[in-house]
PDB file of N, CA and C in Angstrom:
ATOM      1  N   MET A   1       6.309  10.538   5.831  1.00  0.00           N
ATOM      2  CA  MET A   1       7.127   9.947   4.789  1.00  0.00           C
ATOM      3  C   MET A   1       7.368  10.988   3.711  1.00  0.00           C
ATOM      4  N   ARG A   2       8.570  11.051   3.250  1.00  0.00           N
ATOM      5  CA  ARG A   2       8.954  12.043   2.254  1.00  0.00           C
ATOM      6  C   ARG A   2       8.925  11.439   0.854  1.00  0.00           C
ATOM      7  N   PHE A   3       8.465  12.231  -0.102  1.00  0.00           N
ATOM      8  CA  PHE A   3       8.422  11.797  -1.507  1.00  0.00           C
ATOM      9  C   PHE A   3       9.833  11.627  -2.031  1.00  0.00           C
ATOM     10  N   LYS A   4      10.072  10.541  -2.710  1.00  0.00           N
ATOM     11  CA  LYS A   4      11.374  10.278  -3.320  1.00  0.00           C
ATOM     12  C   LYS A   4      11.176  10.069  -4.806  1.00  0.00           C
ATOM     13  N   ASN A   5      12.211  10.298  -5.576  1.00  0.00           N
ATOM     14  CA  ASN A   5      12.112  10.158  -7.032  1.00  0.00           C
ATOM     15  C   ASN A   5      11.751   8.748  -7.467  1.00  0.00           C
ATOM     16  N   GLN A   6      12.087   7.734  -6.669  1.00  0.00           N
ATOM     17  CA  GLN A   6      11.758   6.365  -7.057  1.00  0.00           C
ATOM     18  C   GLN A   6      10.358   5.957  -6.600  1.00  0.00           C
ATOM     19  N   ASP A   7       9.638   6.819  -5.903  1.00  0.00           N
ATOM     20  CA  ASP A   7       8.262   6.528  -5.495  1.00  0.00           C
ATOM     21  C   ASP A   7       7.356   6.481  -6.719  1.00  0.00           C
ATOM     22  N   ARG A   8       6.280   5.734  -6.632  1.00  0.00           N
ATOM     23  CA  ARG A   8       5.304   5.612  -7.711  1.00  0.00           C
ATOM     24  C   ARG A   8       3.949   6.083  -7.211  1.00  0.00           C
ATOM     25  N   ALA A   9       3.275   6.859  -8.032  1.00  0.00           N
ATOM     26  CA  ALA A   9       1.934   7.323  -7.705  1.00  0.00           C
ATOM     27  C   ALA A   9       0.932   6.228  -8.068  1.00  0.00           C
ATOM     28  N   VAL A  10      -0.089   6.083  -7.233  1.00  0.00           N
ATOM     29  CA  VAL A  10      -1.130   5.091  -7.472  1.00  0.00           C
ATOM     30  C   VAL A  10      -2.475   5.789  -7.344  1.00  0.00           C
ATOM     31  N   ASN A  11      -3.314   5.625  -8.359  1.00  0.00           N
ATOM     32  CA  ASN A  11      -4.681   6.154  -8.289  1.00  0.00           C
ATOM     33  C   ASN A  11      -5.591   5.030  -7.845  1.00  0.00           C
ATOM     34  N   LEU A  12      -6.521   5.361  -6.983  1.00  0.00           N
ATOM     35  CA  LEU A  12      -7.359   4.339  -6.385  1.00  0.00           C
ATOM     36  C   LEU A  12      -8.801   4.822  -6.311  1.00  0.00           C
ATOM     37  N   ARG A  13      -9.713   3.998  -6.786  1.00  0.00           N
ATOM     38  CA  ARG A  13     -11.138   4.306  -6.680  1.00  0.00           C
ATOM     39  C   ARG A  13     -11.721   3.443  -5.577  1.00  0.00           C
ATOM     40  N   VAL A  14     -12.401   4.083  -4.634  1.00  0.00           N
ATOM     41  CA  VAL A  14     -13.052   3.351  -3.548  1.00  0.00           C
ATOM     42  C   VAL A  14     -14.500   3.831  -3.431  1.00  0.00           C
ATOM     43  N   PRO A  15     -15.373   2.986  -2.924  1.00  0.00           N
ATOM     44  CA  PRO A  15     -16.753   3.424  -2.710  1.00  0.00           C
ATOM     45  C   PRO A  15     -16.797   4.601  -1.728  1.00  0.00           C
ATOM     46  N   ALA A  16     -17.811   5.432  -1.864  1.00  0.00           N
ATOM     47  CA  ALA A  16     -17.946   6.622  -1.018  1.00  0.00           C
ATOM     48  C   ALA A  16     -17.939   6.258   0.464  1.00  0.00           C
ATOM     49  N   GLU A  17     -18.573   5.150   0.820  1.00  0.00           N
ATOM     50  CA  GLU A  17     -18.620   4.716   2.221  1.00  0.00           C
ATOM     51  C   GLU A  17     -17.222   4.447   2.769  1.00  0.00           C
ATOM     52  N   ILE A  18     -16.382   3.803   1.973  1.00  0.00           N
ATOM     53  CA  ILE A  18     -15.002   3.523   2.378  1.00  0.00           C
ATOM     54  C   ILE A  18     -14.220   4.829   2.505  1.00  0.00           C
ATOM     55  N   TYR A  19     -14.399   5.720   1.551  1.00  0.00           N
ATOM     56  CA  TYR A  19     -13.711   7.013   1.588  1.00  0.00           C
ATOM     57  C   TYR A  19     -14.067   7.770   2.866  1.00  0.00           C
ATOM     58  N   GLU A  20     -15.340   7.764   3.221  1.00  0.00           N
ATOM     59  CA  GLU A  20     -15.782   8.462   4.439  1.00  0.00           C
ATOM     60  C   GLU A  20     -15.126   7.862   5.676  1.00  0.00           C
ATOM     61  N   LYS A  21     -15.001   6.537   5.708  1.00  0.00           N
ATOM     62  CA  LYS A  21     -14.341   5.889   6.843  1.00  0.00           C
ATOM     63  C   LYS A  21     -12.858   6.250   6.900  1.00  0.00           C
ATOM     64  N   LEU A  22     -12.202   6.248   5.734  1.00  0.00           N
ATOM     65  CA  LEU A  22     -10.794   6.638   5.697  1.00  0.00           C
ATOM     66  C   LEU A  22     -10.614   8.088   6.139  1.00  0.00           C
ATOM     67  N   ASP A  23     -11.521   8.950   5.704  1.00  0.00           N
ATOM     68  CA  ASP A  23     -11.471  10.352   6.089  1.00  0.00           C
ATOM     69  C   ASP A  23     -11.639  10.501   7.600  1.00  0.00           C
ATOM     70  N   HIS A  24     -12.535   9.725   8.170  1.00  0.00           N
ATOM     71  CA  HIS A  24     -12.755   9.779   9.624  1.00  0.00           C
ATOM     72  C   HIS A  24     -11.499   9.329  10.381  1.00  0.00           C
ATOM     73  N   ILE A  25     -10.893   8.234   9.913  1.00  0.00           N
ATOM     74  CA  ILE A  25      -9.650   7.764  10.537  1.00  0.00           C
ATOM     75  C   ILE A  25      -8.580   8.844  10.445  1.00  0.00           C
ATOM     76  N   ALA A  26      -8.448   9.458   9.287  1.00  0.00           N
ATOM     77  CA  ALA A  26      -7.443  10.507   9.090  1.00  0.00           C
ATOM     78  C   ALA A  26      -7.674  11.671  10.048  1.00  0.00           C
ATOM     79  N   GLU A  27      -8.916  12.090  10.193  1.00  0.00           N
ATOM     80  CA  GLU A  27      -9.206  13.199  11.108  1.00  0.00           C
ATOM     81  C   GLU A  27      -8.895  12.828  12.555  1.00  0.00           C
ATOM     82  N   GLN A  28      -9.198  11.605  12.938  1.00  0.00           N
ATOM     83  CA  GLN A  28      -8.923  11.167  14.306  1.00  0.00           C
ATOM     84  C   GLN A  28      -7.424  11.120  14.591  1.00  0.00           C
ATOM     85  N   ARG A  29      -6.646  10.856  13.572  1.00  0.00           N
ATOM     86  CA  ARG A  29      -5.192  10.759  13.729  1.00  0.00           C
ATOM     87  C   ARG A  29      -4.471  12.050  13.339  1.00  0.00           C
ATOM     88  N   TRP A  30      -5.197  13.091  13.023  1.00  0.00           N
ATOM     89  CA  TRP A  30      -4.627  14.386  12.622  1.00  0.00           C
ATOM     90  C   TRP A  30      -3.673  14.220  11.438  1.00  0.00           C
ATOM     91  N   THR A  31      -4.118  13.516  10.421  1.00  0.00           N
ATOM     92  CA  THR A  31      -3.288  13.280   9.236  1.00  0.00           C
ATOM     93  C   THR A  31      -4.173  13.370   7.997  1.00  0.00           C
ATOM     94  N   ASN A  32      -3.734  12.837   6.873  1.00  0.00           N
ATOM     95  CA  ASN A  32      -4.552  12.870   5.660  1.00  0.00           C
ATOM     96  C   ASN A  32      -4.859  11.448   5.191  1.00  0.00           C
ATOM     97  N   ILE A  33      -5.779  11.343   4.250  1.00  0.00           N
ATOM     98  CA  ILE A  33      -6.216  10.035   3.771  1.00  0.00           C
ATOM     99  C   ILE A  33      -5.056   9.271   3.122  1.00  0.00           C
ATOM    100  N   SER A  34      -4.199   9.964   2.393  1.00  0.00           N
ATOM    101  CA  SER A  34      -3.062   9.296   1.751  1.00  0.00           C
ATOM    102  C   SER A  34      -2.201   8.570   2.776  1.00  0.00           C
ATOM    103  N   ASN A  35      -1.961   9.206   3.904  1.00  0.00           N
ATOM    104  CA  ASN A  35      -1.153   8.579   4.943  1.00  0.00           C
ATOM    105  C   ASN A  35      -1.855   7.354   5.521  1.00  0.00           C
ATOM    106  N   VAL A  36      -3.163   7.438   5.712  1.00  0.00           N
ATOM    107  CA  VAL A  36      -3.923   6.293   6.229  1.00  0.00           C
ATOM    108  C   VAL A  36      -3.811   5.121   5.253  1.00  0.00           C
ATOM    109  N   ILE A  37      -3.935   5.389   3.966  1.00  0.00           N
ATOM    110  CA  ILE A  37      -3.840   4.336   2.955  1.00  0.00           C
ATOM    111  C   ILE A  37      -2.431   3.745   2.928  1.00  0.00           C
ATOM    112  N   ARG A  38      -1.404   4.589   2.984  1.00  0.00           N
ATOM    113  CA  ARG A  38      -0.019   4.084   2.999  1.00  0.00           C
ATOM    114  C   ARG A  38       0.218   3.193   4.208  1.00  0.00           C
ATOM    115  N   GLN A  39      -0.295   3.591   5.371  1.00  0.00           N
ATOM    116  CA  GLN A  39      -0.128   2.781   6.577  1.00  0.00           C
ATOM    117  C   GLN A  39      -0.827   1.432   6.417  1.00  0.00           C
ATOM    118  N   GLY A  40      -2.008   1.435   5.805  1.00  0.00           N
ATOM    119  CA  GLY A  40      -2.725   0.185   5.562  1.00  0.00           C
ATOM    120  C   GLY A  40      -1.965  -0.730   4.624  1.00  0.00           C
ATOM    121  N   ILE A  41      -1.357  -0.158   3.611  1.00  0.00           N
ATOM    122  CA  ILE A  41      -0.554  -0.947   2.674  1.00  0.00           C
ATOM    123  C   ILE A  41       0.653  -1.543   3.392  1.00  0.00           C
ATOM    124  N   ARG A  42       1.303  -0.742   4.222  1.00  0.00           N
ATOM    125  CA  ARG A  42       2.456  -1.257   4.984  1.00  0.00           C
ATOM    126  C   ARG A  42       2.047  -2.425   5.878  1.00  0.00           C
ATOM    127  N   LYS A  43       0.914  -2.296   6.560  1.00  0.00           N
ATOM    128  CA  LYS A  43       0.442  -3.381   7.432  1.00  0.00           C
ATOM    129  C   LYS A  43       0.166  -4.639   6.627  1.00  0.00           C
ATOM    130  N   GLU A  44      -0.428  -4.495   5.454  1.00  0.00           N
ATOM    131  CA  GLU A  44      -0.731  -5.648   4.604  1.00  0.00           C
ATOM    132  C   GLU A  44       0.557  -6.300   4.111  1.00  0.00           C
ATOM    133  N   LEU A  45       1.551  -5.497   3.743  1.00  0.00           N
ATOM    134  CA  LEU A  45       2.835  -6.047   3.303  1.00  0.00           C
ATOM    135  C   LEU A  45       3.527  -6.795   4.435  1.00  0.00           C
ATOM    136  N   GLU A  46       3.485  -6.250   5.643  1.00  0.00           N
ATOM    137  CA  GLU A  46       4.087  -6.916   6.798  1.00  0.00           C
ATOM    138  C   GLU A  46       3.365  -8.222   7.110  1.00  0.00           C
ATOM    139  N   ALA A  47       2.030  -8.227   6.991  1.00  0.00           N
ATOM    140  CA  ALA A  47       1.246  -9.426   7.281  1.00  0.00           C
ATOM    141  C   ALA A  47       1.517 -10.530   6.262  1.00  0.00           C
ATOM    142  N   ASN A  48       1.980 -10.163   5.075  1.00  0.00           N
ATOM    143  CA  ASN A  48       2.242 -11.132   4.013  1.00  0.00           C
ATOM    144  C   ASN A  48       3.729 -11.217   3.682  1.00  0.00           C
ATOM    145  N   ASP A  49       4.550 -10.958   4.660  1.00  0.00           N
ATOM    146  CA  ASP A  49       5.999 -10.909   4.458  1.00  0.00           C
ATOM    147  C   ASP A  49       6.556 -12.207   3.889  1.00  0.00           C
ATOM    148  N   GLU A  50       5.936 -13.338   4.208  1.00  0.00           N
ATOM    149  CA  GLU A  50       6.444 -14.619   3.718  1.00  0.00           C
ATOM    150  C   GLU A  50       6.397 -14.706   2.192  1.00  0.00           C
ATOM    151  N   LEU A  51       5.577 -13.887   1.561  1.00  0.00           N
ATOM    152  CA  LEU A  51       5.495 -13.889   0.103  1.00  0.00           C
ATOM    153  C   LEU A  51       6.711 -13.243  -0.558  1.00  0.00           C
ATOM    154  N   PHE A  52       7.542 -12.615   0.240  1.00  0.00           N
ATOM    155  CA  PHE A  52       8.692 -11.901  -0.301  1.00  0.00           C
ATOM    156  C   PHE A  52      10.020 -12.546   0.069  1.00  0.00           C
ATOM    157  N   SER A  53       9.970 -13.797   0.521  1.00  0.00           N
ATOM    158  CA  SER A  53      11.220 -14.487   0.821  1.00  0.00           C
ATOM    159  C   SER A  53      11.968 -14.707  -0.494  1.00  0.00           C
ATOM    160  N   GLU A  54      13.270 -14.809  -0.415  1.00  0.00           N
ATOM    161  CA  GLU A  54      14.090 -14.996  -1.612  1.00  0.00           C
ATOM    162  C   GLU A  54      13.689 -16.271  -2.348  1.00  0.00           C
ATOM    163  N   GLU A  55      13.414 -17.333  -1.591  1.00  0.00           N
ATOM    164  CA  GLU A  55      13.015 -18.601  -2.207  1.00  0.00           C
ATOM    165  C   GLU A  55      11.694 -18.449  -2.964  1.00  0.00           C
ATOM    166  N   TYR A  56      10.718 -17.802  -2.349  1.00  0.00           N
ATOM    167  CA  TYR A  56       9.423 -17.614  -3.000  1.00  0.00           C
ATOM    168  C   TYR A  56       9.562 -16.765  -4.261  1.00  0.00           C
ATOM    169  N   LEU A  57      10.323 -15.691  -4.161  1.00  0.00           N
ATOM    170  CA  LEU A  57      10.513 -14.818  -5.316  1.00  0.00           C
ATOM    171  C   LEU A  57      11.199 -15.556  -6.464  1.00  0.00           C
ATOM    172  N   ASN A  58      12.186 -16.378  -6.144  1.00  0.00           N
ATOM    173  CA  ASN A  58      12.878 -17.139  -7.191  1.00  0.00           C
ATOM    174  C   ASN A  58      11.948 -18.153  -7.853  1.00  0.00           C
ATOM    175  N   LEU A  59      11.106 -18.809  -7.061  1.00  0.00           N
ATOM    176  CA  LEU A  59      10.178 -19.796  -7.617  1.00  0.00           C
ATOM    177  C   LEU A  59       9.113 -19.147  -8.493  1.00  0.00           C
ATOM    178  N   ASN A  60       8.792 -17.874  -8.237  1.00  0.00           N
ATOM    179  CA  ASN A  60       7.717 -17.211  -8.960  1.00  0.00           C
ATOM    180  C   ASN A  60       8.199 -16.088  -9.866  1.00  0.00           C
ATOM    181  N   ARG A  61       9.483 -16.091 -10.167  1.00  0.00           N
ATOM    182  CA  ARG A  61      10.043 -15.032 -10.997  1.00  0.00           C
ATOM    183  C   ARG A  61       9.411 -15.013 -12.393  1.00  0.00           C
ATOM    184  N   HIS A  62       8.936 -16.132 -12.868  1.00  0.00           N
ATOM    185  CA  HIS A  62       8.331 -16.193 -14.196  1.00  0.00           C
ATOM    186  C   HIS A  62       7.006 -15.440 -14.264  1.00  0.00           C
ATOM    187  N   HIS A  63       6.434 -15.077 -13.121  1.00  0.00           N
ATOM    188  CA  HIS A  63       5.197 -14.300 -13.099  1.00  0.00           C
ATOM    189  C   HIS A  63       5.446 -12.793 -13.179  1.00  0.00           C
ATOM    190  N   GLN A  64       6.693 -12.386 -13.053  1.00  0.00           N
ATOM    191  CA  GLN A  64       7.010 -10.966 -13.046  1.00  0.00           C
ATOM    192  C   GLN A  64       6.917 -10.376 -14.441  1.00  0.00           C
ATOM    193  N   LYS A  65       6.703  -9.071 -14.464  1.00  0.00           N
ATOM    194  CA  LYS A  65       6.618  -8.355 -15.741  1.00  0.00           C
ATOM    195  C   LYS A  65       7.936  -8.428 -16.484  1.00  0.00           C
ATOM    196  N   ALA A  66       7.865  -8.548 -17.785  1.00  0.00           N
ATOM    197  CA  ALA A  66       9.076  -8.682 -18.593  1.00  0.00           C
ATOM    198  C   ALA A  66       9.573  -7.338 -19.128  1.00  0.00           C
ATOM    199  N   TYR A  67       8.863  -6.265 -18.838  1.00  0.00           N
ATOM    200  CA  TYR A  67       9.277  -4.970 -19.377  1.00  0.00           C
ATOM    201  C   TYR A  67       9.802  -4.050 -18.329  1.00  0.00           C
TER     202      TYR A  67
END
């Protein structure tokens, strides 16, 4: 995945044990930890796709940030 100007950086603190597991996955896949985390986020978004339907978003628009 290529960095785009509209991308947002996210800092994340995880326990050392989790980091070691992510590092192991990254090494097994010949990639880096950032890519493993991005793939995990994509899977979670796909698994919760129903939360992003137009109807759901309209019903919950009042929860969105106002700034």
